[in-house]
Amino acid sequence: MIVLGIVLLVVGFLLGIHILWTLGIILVVVGVILVLLGSVGRPVMGRRHYW
């Protein structure tokens, strides 16, 4: 999810498409939150790790 967010950020920046830039930021933030929750041992959606 984080990698997809970064790809969308780069593509959105290079092509000047603002919706891709926004979606990229959202995906990166959600991905980081899920990684942090999984790394502290808190179950995310019933699993220790979301991947």
Protein backbone atom coordinates (compact mmCIF):
# COMPACT_ATOMS: atom_id res chain seq x y z
CA MET A 1 0.00 0.00 0.00
CA ILE A 2 2.86 2.34 0.81
CA VAL A 3 4.64 1.53 -2.46
CA LEU A 4 1.47 2.11 -4.47
CA GLY A 5 1.00 5.43 -2.69
CA ILE A 6 4.54 6.52 -3.53
CA VAL A 7 4.07 5.50 -7.17
CA LEU A 8 0.85 7.51 -7.37
CA LEU A 9 2.60 10.50 -5.77
CA VAL A 10 5.40 10.40 -8.34
CA VAL A 11 3.09 9.89 -11.33
CA GLY A 12 0.71 12.57 -10.11
CA PHE A 13 3.58 15.00 -9.62
CA LEU A 14 5.18 14.31 -12.99
CA LEU A 15 1.94 14.43 -14.98
CA GLY A 16 0.34 17.22 -12.95
CA ILE A 17 -2.75 15.19 -12.06
CA HIS A 18 -3.88 16.37 -8.64
CA ILE A 19 -6.26 13.49 -7.91
CA LEU A 20 -3.37 11.00 -8.17
CA TRP A 21 -1.32 13.17 -5.83
CA THR A 22 -4.17 13.20 -3.30
CA LEU A 23 -4.78 9.45 -3.55
CA GLY A 24 -1.06 8.81 -3.15
CA ILE A 25 -0.91 10.83 0.05
CA ILE A 26 -3.94 9.00 1.45
CA LEU A 27 -2.49 5.58 0.62
CA VAL A 28 0.88 6.41 2.15
CA VAL A 29 -0.72 7.67 5.37
CA VAL A 30 -3.02 4.65 5.70
CA GLY A 31 -0.14 2.29 4.94
CA VAL A 32 2.08 3.88 7.58
CA ILE A 33 -0.71 3.70 10.16
CA LEU A 34 -1.27 0.00 9.41
CA VAL A 35 2.44 -0.74 9.65
CA LEU A 36 2.69 1.08 12.98
CA LEU A 37 -0.33 -0.74 14.40
CA GLY A 38 1.02 -4.09 13.23
CA SER A 39 4.52 -3.43 14.57
CA VAL A 40 3.31 -2.67 18.11
CA GLY A 41 1.46 -5.98 18.21
CA ARG A 42 -2.04 -4.61 17.90
CA PRO A 43 -4.22 -6.83 15.69
CA VAL A 44 -5.39 -5.07 12.54
CA MET A 45 -8.63 -6.52 11.11
CA GLY A 46 -8.12 -9.69 13.12
CA ARG A 47 -4.49 -10.21 12.07
CA ARG A 48 -1.18 -9.33 13.68
CA HIS A 49 0.07 -7.99 10.32
CA TYR A 50 -2.15 -6.56 7.62
CA TRP A 51 -0.18 -8.20 4.81
